[in-house]
Amino acid sequence: MRGTFYQVEHVTRYVHAGRASTSQHVACLQPRVSPRLTLHAHDLDVDPAPGAMVERLDYFGNVLHQFEILTPYLEMCAVSRSLVEVWPRVDSINFDDSPSWESVRAANAWNEEAAGGAEVPPFDPDIEYCFASPYVTLDPALADFARASFPQGRPFVAGAIDLMRRIHSEFRFDPGATTITTPITRVLSERHGVCQDFAHLQIGCLRSLGLPARYVSGYMLTDPPPGQPRLVGADASHAWLSIRCPRLGWIDLDPTNDALPDVRHVTVAWGRDYGDVSPLRGIVLGGQRQTLHVGVSVIPVDPPAWPGLVVS
């Protein structure tokens, strides 16, 4: 049995008002391999050609490409192309059987005084997903908003899904309302934003209750308007979140679309927030003012759909 195949193309183009002399960049654009995603092929083409490019893993296990451009330029273009196979999530999980949210919070709030001298538990590397990060603050207002979804004894996953649905129904998608630096407390008060805002908002609500959640970047297959062809470059990067539940592991939630991500979502990376997984960041010497152009295409394909590739 095969999964669903997509060819993903992500084009990032920087146009400078003046000549840039050199630059260094880090790209987080290669889809992340997991039990539900197979990466069959990937390449990253950069123009002007980098003087050097190194592939490495970051702290969170995401694949990064670090490169430097030594040739002066007015325009830089990075094109990431991937062929992925996405498998459906397991539908047999009963989310109502998850532990209560209070027990999940308690498991992530160990301290020596509360434990009454009990032995220190093994170090949990995921504990950092319970704390504040540069784009996700902890705030009483976030906790207050979340509490309506977490009455006493409610299963953790059921509460998180309810919170996801409330964000979807009570907040308006508005591409012009925010920037990536807009505080999530402002998103909460003004009730609008984009996918990054809604992911950060739900993460902040959960962490403000002491519950673990991480930020996920990637892509989502969208449908063109009825009767119109799919346009190349008309898609966009997407963001959602994952919660960690004992026994069930990490579970993805998409508050922008009120969905449990499945075969239409392609995961690229995860971290504490957007700052850990931004698609392309760097330092440019010279160049003056710059203009950013981004185009993304997520296209369903039949394998192999890649020159020279044989899919077994």
C-alpha atoms as a PDB file:
ATOM      1  CA  MET A   1       0.000   0.000   0.000  1.00  0.00           C
ATOM      2  CA  ARG A   2       1.234   3.489  -0.873  1.00  0.00           C
ATOM      3  CA  GLY A   3       0.621   6.817   0.773  1.00  0.00           C
ATOM      4  CA  THR A   4      -0.244  10.115  -0.919  1.00  0.00           C
ATOM      5  CA  PHE A   5       2.537  11.640  -3.009  1.00  0.00           C
ATOM      6  CA  TYR A   6       3.213  15.367  -3.320  1.00  0.00           C
ATOM      7  CA  GLN A   7       5.774  17.397  -5.186  1.00  0.00           C
ATOM      8  CA  VAL A   8       6.506  20.508  -3.132  1.00  0.00           C
ATOM      9  CA  GLU A   9       8.307  23.556  -4.467  1.00  0.00           C
ATOM     10  CA  HIS A  10       9.155  26.500  -2.219  1.00  0.00           C
ATOM     11  CA  VAL A  11      10.697  29.533  -3.947  1.00  0.00           C
ATOM     12  CA  THR A  12      12.211  32.355  -1.881  1.00  0.00           C
ATOM     13  CA  ARG A  13      13.545  35.417  -3.699  1.00  0.00           C
ATOM     14  CA  TYR A  14      15.203  38.473  -2.156  1.00  0.00           C
ATOM     15  CA  VAL A  15      15.561  41.563  -4.358  1.00  0.00           C
ATOM     16  CA  HIS A  16      17.895  44.261  -2.995  1.00  0.00           C
ATOM     17  CA  ALA A  17      17.852  47.983  -3.765  1.00  0.00           C
ATOM     18  CA  GLY A  18      21.660  47.993  -3.704  1.00  0.00           C
ATOM     19  CA  ARG A  19      24.338  45.418  -4.309  1.00  0.00           C
ATOM     20  CA  ALA A  20      24.895  42.875  -1.522  1.00  0.00           C
ATOM     21  CA  SER A  21      28.547  41.924  -1.198  1.00  0.00           C
ATOM     22  CA  THR A  22      28.282  38.686   0.815  1.00  0.00           C
ATOM     23  CA  SER A  23      25.690  36.838   2.859  1.00  0.00           C
ATOM     24  CA  GLN A  24      25.233  33.801   5.081  1.00  0.00           C
ATOM     25  CA  HIS A  25      21.964  31.865   5.341  1.00  0.00           C
ATOM     26  CA  VAL A  26      20.310  28.944   7.122  1.00  0.00           C
ATOM     27  CA  ALA A  27      17.447  27.162   5.332  1.00  0.00           C
ATOM     28  CA  CYS A  28      14.901  24.987   7.122  1.00  0.00           C
ATOM     29  CA  LEU A  29      13.081  23.686   4.051  1.00  0.00           C
ATOM     30  CA  GLN A  30      13.609  19.931   3.864  1.00  0.00           C
ATOM     31  CA  PRO A  31      10.530  17.916   4.965  1.00  0.00           C
ATOM     32  CA  ARG A  32      11.086  15.925   8.126  1.00  0.00           C
ATOM     33  CA  VAL A  33      11.060  12.128   7.935  1.00  0.00           C
ATOM     34  CA  SER A  34       8.699  10.428  10.385  1.00  0.00           C
ATOM     35  CA  PRO A  35       6.562   7.284  10.600  1.00  0.00           C
ATOM     36  CA  ARG A  36       3.931   9.222   8.608  1.00  0.00           C
ATOM     37  CA  LEU A  37       6.205  10.933   6.066  1.00  0.00           C
ATOM     38  CA  THR A  38       8.706   9.416   3.645  1.00  0.00           C
ATOM     39  CA  LEU A  39      11.057  11.794   1.854  1.00  0.00           C
ATOM     40  CA  HIS A  40      11.877  10.295  -1.546  1.00  0.00           C
ATOM     41  CA  ALA A  41      13.895  13.215  -2.923  1.00  0.00           C
ATOM     42  CA  HIS A  42      14.953  16.742  -2.077  1.00  0.00           C
ATOM     43  CA  ASP A  43      17.230  19.382  -3.541  1.00  0.00           C
ATOM     44  CA  LEU A  44      17.987  23.001  -2.745  1.00  0.00           C
ATOM     45  CA  ASP A  45      19.086  25.216  -5.631  1.00  0.00           C
ATOM     46  CA  VAL A  46      20.523  28.641  -4.789  1.00  0.00           C
ATOM     47  CA  ASP A  47      21.402  31.447  -7.202  1.00  0.00           C
ATOM     48  CA  PRO A  48      24.011  32.957  -7.047  1.00  0.00           C
ATOM     49  CA  ALA A  49      25.753  29.665  -6.373  1.00  0.00           C
ATOM     50  CA  PRO A  50      26.977  29.431  -2.772  1.00  0.00           C
ATOM     51  CA  GLY A  51      30.658  29.242  -2.066  1.00  0.00           C
ATOM     52  CA  ALA A  52      29.874  26.428   0.379  1.00  0.00           C
ATOM     53  CA  MET A  53      26.803  24.572   1.638  1.00  0.00           C
ATOM     54  CA  VAL A  54      26.646  22.264   4.656  1.00  0.00           C
ATOM     55  CA  GLU A  55      23.765  20.034   5.741  1.00  0.00           C
ATOM     56  CA  ARG A  56      23.290  19.492   9.474  1.00  0.00           C
ATOM     57  CA  LEU A  57      20.722  18.661  12.134  1.00  0.00           C
ATOM     58  CA  ASP A  58      19.635  21.312  14.591  1.00  0.00           C
ATOM     59  CA  TYR A  59      18.893  20.834  18.289  1.00  0.00           C
ATOM     60  CA  PHE A  60      15.351  19.642  17.507  1.00  0.00           C
ATOM     61  CA  GLY A  61      16.434  17.125  14.854  1.00  0.00           C
ATOM     62  CA  ASN A  62      15.352  19.233  11.876  1.00  0.00           C
ATOM     63  CA  VAL A  63      17.491  19.182   8.723  1.00  0.00           C
ATOM     64  CA  LEU A  64      19.146  22.531   8.004  1.00  0.00           C
ATOM     65  CA  HIS A  65      21.188  23.713   5.030  1.00  0.00           C
ATOM     66  CA  GLN A  66      23.744  26.371   5.894  1.00  0.00           C
ATOM     67  CA  PHE A  67      25.350  28.252   3.021  1.00  0.00           C
ATOM     68  CA  GLU A  68      27.279  31.405   2.199  1.00  0.00           C
ATOM     69  CA  ILE A  69      27.293  33.528  -0.949  1.00  0.00           C
ATOM     70  CA  LEU A  70      30.598  35.229  -1.723  1.00  0.00           C
ATOM     71  CA  THR A  71      29.610  36.739  -5.091  1.00  0.00           C
ATOM     72  CA  PRO A  72      28.102  40.263  -5.059  1.00  0.00           C
ATOM     73  CA  TYR A  73      24.463  40.235  -6.135  1.00  0.00           C
ATOM     74  CA  LEU A  74      21.257  42.259  -6.432  1.00  0.00           C
ATOM     75  CA  GLU A  75      18.937  39.255  -6.239  1.00  0.00           C
ATOM     76  CA  MET A  76      19.147  35.921  -4.433  1.00  0.00           C
ATOM     77  CA  CYS A  77      16.808  33.011  -5.135  1.00  0.00           C
ATOM     78  CA  ALA A  78      16.540  29.728  -3.207  1.00  0.00           C
ATOM     79  CA  VAL A  79      14.363  26.964  -4.637  1.00  0.00           C
ATOM     80  CA  SER A  80      13.572  23.926  -2.474  1.00  0.00           C
ATOM     81  CA  ARG A  81      12.013  20.934  -4.265  1.00  0.00           C
ATOM     82  CA  SER A  82      10.796  17.799  -2.491  1.00  0.00           C
ATOM     83  CA  LEU A  83       8.972  14.605  -3.345  1.00  0.00           C
ATOM     84  CA  VAL A  84       7.202  13.251  -0.264  1.00  0.00           C
ATOM     85  CA  GLU A  85       4.855  10.404   0.559  1.00  0.00           C
ATOM     86  CA  VAL A  86       2.410  11.067   3.396  1.00  0.00           C
ATOM     87  CA  TRP A  87       0.590   8.331   5.268  1.00  0.00           C
ATOM     88  CA  PRO A  88      -2.762   8.714   7.047  1.00  0.00           C
ATOM     89  CA  ARG A  89      -2.832   8.969  10.826  1.00  0.00           C
ATOM     90  CA  VAL A  90      -4.125   6.067  12.897  1.00  0.00           C
ATOM     91  CA  ASP A  91      -7.872   6.471  13.372  1.00  0.00           C
ATOM     92  CA  SER A  92      -8.259   3.789  16.029  1.00  0.00           C
ATOM     93  CA  ILE A  93      -7.033   6.060  18.849  1.00  0.00           C
ATOM     94  CA  ASN A  94      -9.756   7.057  21.291  1.00  0.00           C
ATOM     95  CA  PHE A  95      -8.722  10.526  22.380  1.00  0.00           C
ATOM     96  CA  ASP A  96     -11.196  10.437  25.273  1.00  0.00           C
ATOM     97  CA  ASP A  97      -9.025   7.691  26.803  1.00  0.00           C
ATOM     98  CA  SER A  98      -6.132  10.091  27.259  1.00  0.00           C
ATOM     99  CA  PRO A  99      -5.115  10.993  30.829  1.00  0.00           C
ATOM    100  CA  SER A 100      -6.791  13.970  32.453  1.00  0.00           C
ATOM    101  CA  TRP A 101      -5.222  17.313  31.744  1.00  0.00           C
ATOM    102  CA  GLU A 102      -4.442  17.734  35.462  1.00  0.00           C
ATOM    103  CA  SER A 103      -2.363  14.537  35.476  1.00  0.00           C
ATOM    104  CA  VAL A 104      -0.461  15.667  32.370  1.00  0.00           C
ATOM    105  CA  ARG A 105       0.255  19.001  34.025  1.00  0.00           C
ATOM    106  CA  ALA A 106       1.387  17.297  37.219  1.00  0.00           C
ATOM    107  CA  ALA A 107       3.733  15.016  35.269  1.00  0.00           C
ATOM    108  CA  ASN A 108       5.430  18.090  33.822  1.00  0.00           C
ATOM    109  CA  ALA A 109       5.587  20.061  37.076  1.00  0.00           C
ATOM    110  CA  TRP A 110       7.808  17.882  39.260  1.00  0.00           C
ATOM    111  CA  ASN A 111       9.623  19.681  42.027  1.00  0.00           C
ATOM    112  CA  GLU A 112      11.425  18.376  45.080  1.00  0.00           C
ATOM    113  CA  GLU A 113       9.107  19.960  47.655  1.00  0.00           C
ATOM    114  CA  ALA A 114       5.910  18.684  46.010  1.00  0.00           C
ATOM    115  CA  ALA A 115       7.409  15.234  45.524  1.00  0.00           C
ATOM    116  CA  GLY A 116       8.060  14.906  49.274  1.00  0.00           C
ATOM    117  CA  GLY A 117      11.597  13.631  48.855  1.00  0.00           C
ATOM    118  CA  ALA A 118      10.744  11.214  46.030  1.00  0.00           C
ATOM    119  CA  GLU A 119      13.510  10.258  43.641  1.00  0.00           C
ATOM    120  CA  VAL A 120      14.218  12.742  40.837  1.00  0.00           C
ATOM    121  CA  PRO A 121      12.638  11.451  37.612  1.00  0.00           C
ATOM    122  CA  PRO A 122      14.764  10.933  34.488  1.00  0.00           C
ATOM    123  CA  PHE A 123      15.454  14.053  32.455  1.00  0.00           C
ATOM    124  CA  ASP A 124      12.721  14.737  29.922  1.00  0.00           C
ATOM    125  CA  PRO A 125      14.052  16.626  26.854  1.00  0.00           C
ATOM    126  CA  ASP A 126      10.501  17.640  25.905  1.00  0.00           C
ATOM    127  CA  ILE A 127       9.936  19.525  29.162  1.00  0.00           C
ATOM    128  CA  GLU A 128      11.014  22.743  27.389  1.00  0.00           C
ATOM    129  CA  TYR A 129       7.723  22.677  25.469  1.00  0.00           C
ATOM    130  CA  CYS A 130       5.953  23.625  28.721  1.00  0.00           C
ATOM    131  CA  PHE A 131       7.779  26.930  29.128  1.00  0.00           C
ATOM    132  CA  ALA A 132       7.840  30.353  27.489  1.00  0.00           C
ATOM    133  CA  SER A 133       9.895  30.905  24.346  1.00  0.00           C
ATOM    134  CA  PRO A 134      10.723  34.009  22.278  1.00  0.00           C
ATOM    135  CA  TYR A 135       7.405  34.055  20.383  1.00  0.00           C
ATOM    136  CA  VAL A 136       5.240  32.341  23.016  1.00  0.00           C
ATOM    137  CA  THR A 137       4.670  34.104  26.321  1.00  0.00           C
ATOM    138  CA  LEU A 138       2.911  32.700  29.367  1.00  0.00           C
ATOM    139  CA  ASP A 139       0.117  34.956  30.541  1.00  0.00           C
ATOM    140  CA  PRO A 140      -2.878  34.706  32.928  1.00  0.00           C
ATOM    141  CA  ALA A 141      -5.163  35.918  30.116  1.00  0.00           C
ATOM    142  CA  LEU A 142      -4.105  32.960  27.970  1.00  0.00           C
ATOM    143  CA  ALA A 143      -4.718  30.546  30.841  1.00  0.00           C
ATOM    144  CA  ASP A 144      -8.133  32.101  31.485  1.00  0.00           C
ATOM    145  CA  PHE A 145      -9.136  31.682  27.839  1.00  0.00           C
ATOM    146  CA  ALA A 146      -7.979  28.057  27.835  1.00  0.00           C
ATOM    147  CA  ARG A 147      -9.771  27.025  31.048  1.00  0.00           C
ATOM    148  CA  ALA A 148     -13.186  26.876  29.373  1.00  0.00           C
ATOM    149  CA  SER A 149     -11.856  23.867  27.434  1.00  0.00           C
ATOM    150  CA  PHE A 150     -10.369  22.177  30.487  1.00  0.00           C
ATOM    151  CA  PRO A 151     -12.975  21.558  33.185  1.00  0.00           C
ATOM    152  CA  GLN A 152     -11.972  19.300  36.053  1.00  0.00           C
ATOM    153  CA  GLY A 153     -11.063  15.775  34.997  1.00  0.00           C
ATOM    154  CA  ARG A 154     -11.400  16.305  31.245  1.00  0.00           C
ATOM    155  CA  PRO A 155      -9.103  14.145  29.083  1.00  0.00           C
ATOM    156  CA  PHE A 156      -6.131  16.207  27.934  1.00  0.00           C
ATOM    157  CA  VAL A 157      -6.549  15.516  24.211  1.00  0.00           C
ATOM    158  CA  ALA A 158     -10.296  16.177  24.298  1.00  0.00           C
ATOM    159  CA  GLY A 159      -9.650  19.538  25.964  1.00  0.00           C
ATOM    160  CA  ALA A 160      -6.950  20.469  23.448  1.00  0.00           C
ATOM    161  CA  ILE A 161      -9.267  19.615  20.531  1.00  0.00           C
ATOM    162  CA  ASP A 162     -12.025  21.730  22.067  1.00  0.00           C
ATOM    163  CA  LEU A 163      -9.600  24.645  22.429  1.00  0.00           C
ATOM    164  CA  MET A 164      -8.567  24.210  18.795  1.00  0.00           C
ATOM    165  CA  ARG A 165     -12.205  24.404  17.685  1.00  0.00           C
ATOM    166  CA  ARG A 166     -12.894  27.486  19.799  1.00  0.00           C
ATOM    167  CA  ILE A 167      -9.929  29.308  18.248  1.00  0.00           C
ATOM    168  CA  HIS A 168     -11.161  28.358  14.789  1.00  0.00           C
ATOM    169  CA  SER A 169     -14.703  29.588  15.453  1.00  0.00           C
ATOM    170  CA  GLU A 170     -13.938  32.711  17.503  1.00  0.00           C
ATOM    171  CA  PHE A 171     -10.975  34.124  15.554  1.00  0.00           C
ATOM    172  CA  ARG A 172     -10.935  35.555  12.043  1.00  0.00           C
ATOM    173  CA  PHE A 173      -8.248  34.713   9.480  1.00  0.00           C
ATOM    174  CA  ASP A 174      -6.833  38.076   8.391  1.00  0.00           C
ATOM    175  CA  PRO A 175      -3.484  38.144   6.514  1.00  0.00           C
ATOM    176  CA  GLY A 176      -3.064  41.888   7.040  1.00  0.00           C
ATOM    177  CA  ALA A 177      -3.792  42.033  10.753  1.00  0.00           C
ATOM    178  CA  THR A 178      -0.486  40.883  12.223  1.00  0.00           C
ATOM    179  CA  THR A 179       3.216  40.315  11.657  1.00  0.00           C
ATOM    180  CA  ILE A 180       5.340  37.513  13.048  1.00  0.00           C
ATOM    181  CA  THR A 181       6.320  39.809  15.954  1.00  0.00           C
ATOM    182  CA  THR A 182       2.706  40.546  17.015  1.00  0.00           C
ATOM    183  CA  PRO A 183       2.330  39.398  20.661  1.00  0.00           C
ATOM    184  CA  ILE A 184      -0.101  36.538  21.122  1.00  0.00           C
ATOM    185  CA  THR A 185      -1.855  38.482  23.896  1.00  0.00           C
ATOM    186  CA  ARG A 186      -2.788  41.030  21.222  1.00  0.00           C
ATOM    187  CA  VAL A 187      -3.991  38.225  18.937  1.00  0.00           C
ATOM    188  CA  LEU A 188      -6.143  37.025  21.841  1.00  0.00           C
ATOM    189  CA  SER A 189      -7.658  40.455  22.475  1.00  0.00           C
ATOM    190  CA  GLU A 190      -8.238  41.434  18.835  1.00  0.00           C
ATOM    191  CA  ARG A 191      -9.403  37.982  17.678  1.00  0.00           C
ATOM    192  CA  HIS A 192      -7.716  37.829  14.272  1.00  0.00           C
ATOM    193  CA  GLY A 193      -4.471  36.690  12.666  1.00  0.00           C
ATOM    194  CA  VAL A 194      -2.941  34.001  10.452  1.00  0.00           C
ATOM    195  CA  CYS A 195      -1.856  30.407  10.906  1.00  0.00           C
ATOM    196  CA  GLN A 196       1.348  31.259  12.792  1.00  0.00           C
ATOM    197  CA  ASP A 197      -0.672  33.424  15.183  1.00  0.00           C
ATOM    198  CA  PHE A 198      -3.272  30.737  15.834  1.00  0.00           C
ATOM    199  CA  ALA A 199      -0.596  28.075  16.399  1.00  0.00           C
ATOM    200  CA  HIS A 200       1.318  30.367  18.770  1.00  0.00           C
ATOM    201  CA  LEU A 201      -1.925  31.315  20.515  1.00  0.00           C
ATOM    202  CA  GLN A 202      -2.962  27.741  21.250  1.00  0.00           C
ATOM    203  CA  ILE A 203       0.574  26.833  22.305  1.00  0.00           C
ATOM    204  CA  GLY A 204       0.613  29.805  24.678  1.00  0.00           C
ATOM    205  CA  CYS A 205      -2.781  28.838  26.113  1.00  0.00           C
ATOM    206  CA  LEU A 206      -1.643  25.270  26.759  1.00  0.00           C
ATOM    207  CA  ARG A 207       1.744  26.204  28.201  1.00  0.00           C
ATOM    208  CA  SER A 208       0.090  28.809  30.445  1.00  0.00           C
ATOM    209  CA  LEU A 209      -1.764  25.853  31.996  1.00  0.00           C
ATOM    210  CA  GLY A 210       1.485  23.887  32.321  1.00  0.00           C
ATOM    211  CA  LEU A 211       0.743  21.614  29.349  1.00  0.00           C
ATOM    212  CA  PRO A 212       3.296  20.649  26.647  1.00  0.00           C
ATOM    213  CA  ALA A 213       2.913  21.887  23.083  1.00  0.00           C
ATOM    214  CA  ARG A 214       5.320  22.514  20.213  1.00  0.00           C
ATOM    215  CA  TYR A 215       5.191  24.528  16.973  1.00  0.00           C
ATOM    216  CA  VAL A 216       5.106  22.698  13.622  1.00  0.00           C
ATOM    217  CA  SER A 217       5.936  24.219  10.243  1.00  0.00           C
ATOM    218  CA  GLY A 218       5.100  22.741   6.879  1.00  0.00           C
ATOM    219  CA  TYR A 219       2.664  22.854   3.998  1.00  0.00           C
ATOM    220  CA  MET A 220      -0.953  21.960   3.380  1.00  0.00           C
ATOM    221  CA  LEU A 221      -2.619  20.896   0.148  1.00  0.00           C
ATOM    222  CA  THR A 222      -5.241  23.485  -0.765  1.00  0.00           C
ATOM    223  CA  ASP A 223      -7.968  23.246  -3.387  1.00  0.00           C
ATOM    224  CA  PRO A 224      -8.315  25.844  -6.175  1.00  0.00           C
ATOM    225  CA  PRO A 225     -11.675  27.580  -6.617  1.00  0.00           C
ATOM    226  CA  PRO A 226     -14.281  25.414  -8.398  1.00  0.00           C
ATOM    227  CA  GLY A 227     -13.675  25.277 -12.127  1.00  0.00           C
ATOM    228  CA  GLN A 228     -10.221  26.868 -11.928  1.00  0.00           C
ATOM    229  CA  PRO A 229      -6.843  25.172 -12.420  1.00  0.00           C
ATOM    230  CA  ARG A 230      -4.305  24.750  -9.649  1.00  0.00           C
ATOM    231  CA  LEU A 231      -1.866  27.673  -9.896  1.00  0.00           C
ATOM    232  CA  VAL A 232       1.861  27.154  -9.481  1.00  0.00           C
ATOM    233  CA  GLY A 233       3.222  29.161  -6.530  1.00  0.00           C
ATOM    234  CA  ALA A 234      -0.202  30.068  -5.184  1.00  0.00           C
ATOM    235  CA  ASP A 235       0.094  28.026  -1.983  1.00  0.00           C
ATOM    236  CA  ALA A 236       1.901  29.121   1.183  1.00  0.00           C
ATOM    237  CA  SER A 237       3.795  27.776   4.149  1.00  0.00           C
ATOM    238  CA  HIS A 238       1.539  26.591   6.931  1.00  0.00           C
ATOM    239  CA  ALA A 239       1.822  26.227  10.698  1.00  0.00           C
ATOM    240  CA  TRP A 240       0.091  24.151  13.320  1.00  0.00           C
ATOM    241  CA  LEU A 241       1.010  22.578  16.666  1.00  0.00           C
ATOM    242  CA  SER A 242       1.491  19.264  18.410  1.00  0.00           C
ATOM    243  CA  ILE A 243       0.598  18.275  21.947  1.00  0.00           C
ATOM    244  CA  ARG A 244       2.368  15.538  23.870  1.00  0.00           C
ATOM    245  CA  CYS A 245       0.114  13.057  25.610  1.00  0.00           C
ATOM    246  CA  PRO A 246       1.338  10.183  27.794  1.00  0.00           C
ATOM    247  CA  ARG A 247       0.750   6.800  26.099  1.00  0.00           C
ATOM    248  CA  LEU A 248      -0.468   8.437  22.875  1.00  0.00           C
ATOM    249  CA  GLY A 249       2.650  10.445  22.011  1.00  0.00           C
ATOM    250  CA  TRP A 250       2.589  13.621  19.928  1.00  0.00           C
ATOM    251  CA  ILE A 251      -0.732  14.584  18.315  1.00  0.00           C
ATOM    252  CA  ASP A 252      -1.041  17.323  15.673  1.00  0.00           C
ATOM    253  CA  LEU A 253      -3.755  20.004  15.838  1.00  0.00           C
ATOM    254  CA  ASP A 254      -4.483  22.672  13.219  1.00  0.00           C
ATOM    255  CA  PRO A 255      -6.551  25.530  14.740  1.00  0.00           C
ATOM    256  CA  THR A 256      -6.553  27.497  11.470  1.00  0.00           C
ATOM    257  CA  ASN A 257      -8.576  24.757   9.782  1.00  0.00           C
ATOM    258  CA  ASP A 258     -10.152  23.029  12.805  1.00  0.00           C
ATOM    259  CA  ALA A 259      -8.469  19.797  11.736  1.00  0.00           C
ATOM    260  CA  LEU A 260      -6.363  16.928  12.978  1.00  0.00           C
ATOM    261  CA  PRO A 261      -3.613  17.018  10.315  1.00  0.00           C
ATOM    262  CA  ASP A 262      -3.641  14.003   8.035  1.00  0.00           C
ATOM    263  CA  VAL A 263      -2.505  13.304   4.473  1.00  0.00           C
ATOM    264  CA  ARG A 264      -3.036  16.914   3.333  1.00  0.00           C
ATOM    265  CA  HIS A 265      -0.357  18.226   5.738  1.00  0.00           C
ATOM    266  CA  VAL A 266       3.381  17.957   4.988  1.00  0.00           C
ATOM    267  CA  THR A 267       5.616  18.461   8.019  1.00  0.00           C
ATOM    268  CA  VAL A 268       8.921  20.278   7.525  1.00  0.00           C
ATOM    269  CA  ALA A 269      10.144  20.965  11.060  1.00  0.00           C
ATOM    270  CA  TRP A 270       9.186  21.539  14.672  1.00  0.00           C
ATOM    271  CA  GLY A 271      10.485  23.543  17.604  1.00  0.00           C
ATOM    272  CA  ARG A 272       9.395  25.804  20.439  1.00  0.00           C
ATOM    273  CA  ASP A 273       7.982  28.464  18.082  1.00  0.00           C
ATOM    274  CA  TYR A 274       8.409  30.025  14.635  1.00  0.00           C
ATOM    275  CA  GLY A 275      11.866  31.360  15.490  1.00  0.00           C
ATOM    276  CA  ASP A 276      13.260  27.820  15.694  1.00  0.00           C
ATOM    277  CA  VAL A 277      11.962  26.767  12.266  1.00  0.00           C
ATOM    278  CA  SER A 278      11.779  29.856  10.030  1.00  0.00           C
ATOM    279  CA  PRO A 279      12.204  28.732   6.394  1.00  0.00           C
ATOM    280  CA  LEU A 280      15.158  30.976   5.523  1.00  0.00           C
ATOM    281  CA  ARG A 281      17.114  33.359   7.692  1.00  0.00           C
ATOM    282  CA  GLY A 282      20.516  34.969   7.403  1.00  0.00           C
ATOM    283  CA  ILE A 283      22.855  37.931   7.516  1.00  0.00           C
ATOM    284  CA  VAL A 284      23.511  40.141   4.487  1.00  0.00           C
ATOM    285  CA  LEU A 285      26.417  42.571   4.127  1.00  0.00           C
ATOM    286  CA  GLY A 286      25.242  45.539   2.052  1.00  0.00           C
ATOM    287  CA  GLY A 287      22.183  45.311  -0.160  1.00  0.00           C
ATOM    288  CA  GLN A 288      20.281  48.240   1.397  1.00  0.00           C
ATOM    289  CA  ARG A 289      16.506  47.733   1.397  1.00  0.00           C
ATOM    290  CA  GLN A 290      15.252  44.294   0.365  1.00  0.00           C
ATOM    291  CA  THR A 291      11.961  42.943  -0.964  1.00  0.00           C
ATOM    292  CA  LEU A 292      10.886  39.369  -0.250  1.00  0.00           C
ATOM    293  CA  HIS A 293       8.916  37.231  -2.717  1.00  0.00           C
ATOM    294  CA  VAL A 294       7.736  33.728  -1.750  1.00  0.00           C
ATOM    295  CA  GLY A 295       5.887  31.154  -3.838  1.00  0.00           C
ATOM    296  CA  VAL A 296       4.854  27.657  -2.735  1.00  0.00           C
ATOM    297  CA  SER A 297       3.333  24.819  -4.758  1.00  0.00           C
ATOM    298  CA  VAL A 298       1.978  21.576  -3.271  1.00  0.00           C
ATOM    299  CA  ILE A 299       0.976  19.304  -6.139  1.00  0.00           C
ATOM    300  CA  PRO A 300      -0.415  15.749  -5.866  1.00  0.00           C
ATOM    301  CA  VAL A 301       1.556  13.468  -8.192  1.00  0.00           C
ATOM    302  CA  ASP A 302       1.886   9.842  -9.200  1.00  0.00           C
ATOM    303  CA  PRO A 303       5.320   8.382  -8.472  1.00  0.00           C
ATOM    304  CA  PRO A 304       8.066   8.565  -9.525  1.00  0.00           C
ATOM    305  CA  ALA A 305       7.519  12.231 -10.636  1.00  0.00           C
ATOM    306  CA  TRP A 306      11.257  12.864 -10.198  1.00  0.00           C
ATOM    307  CA  PRO A 307      13.998  12.395 -12.804  1.00  0.00           C
ATOM    308  CA  GLY A 308      15.770   9.082 -12.301  1.00  0.00           C
ATOM    309  CA  LEU A 309      13.813   8.150  -9.168  1.00  0.00           C
ATOM    310  CA  VAL A 310      12.390   4.685  -8.715  1.00  0.00           C
ATOM    311  CA  VAL A 311       9.830   4.334  -5.903  1.00  0.00           C
ATOM    312  CA  SER A 312       9.488   0.775  -4.626  1.00  0.00           C
END
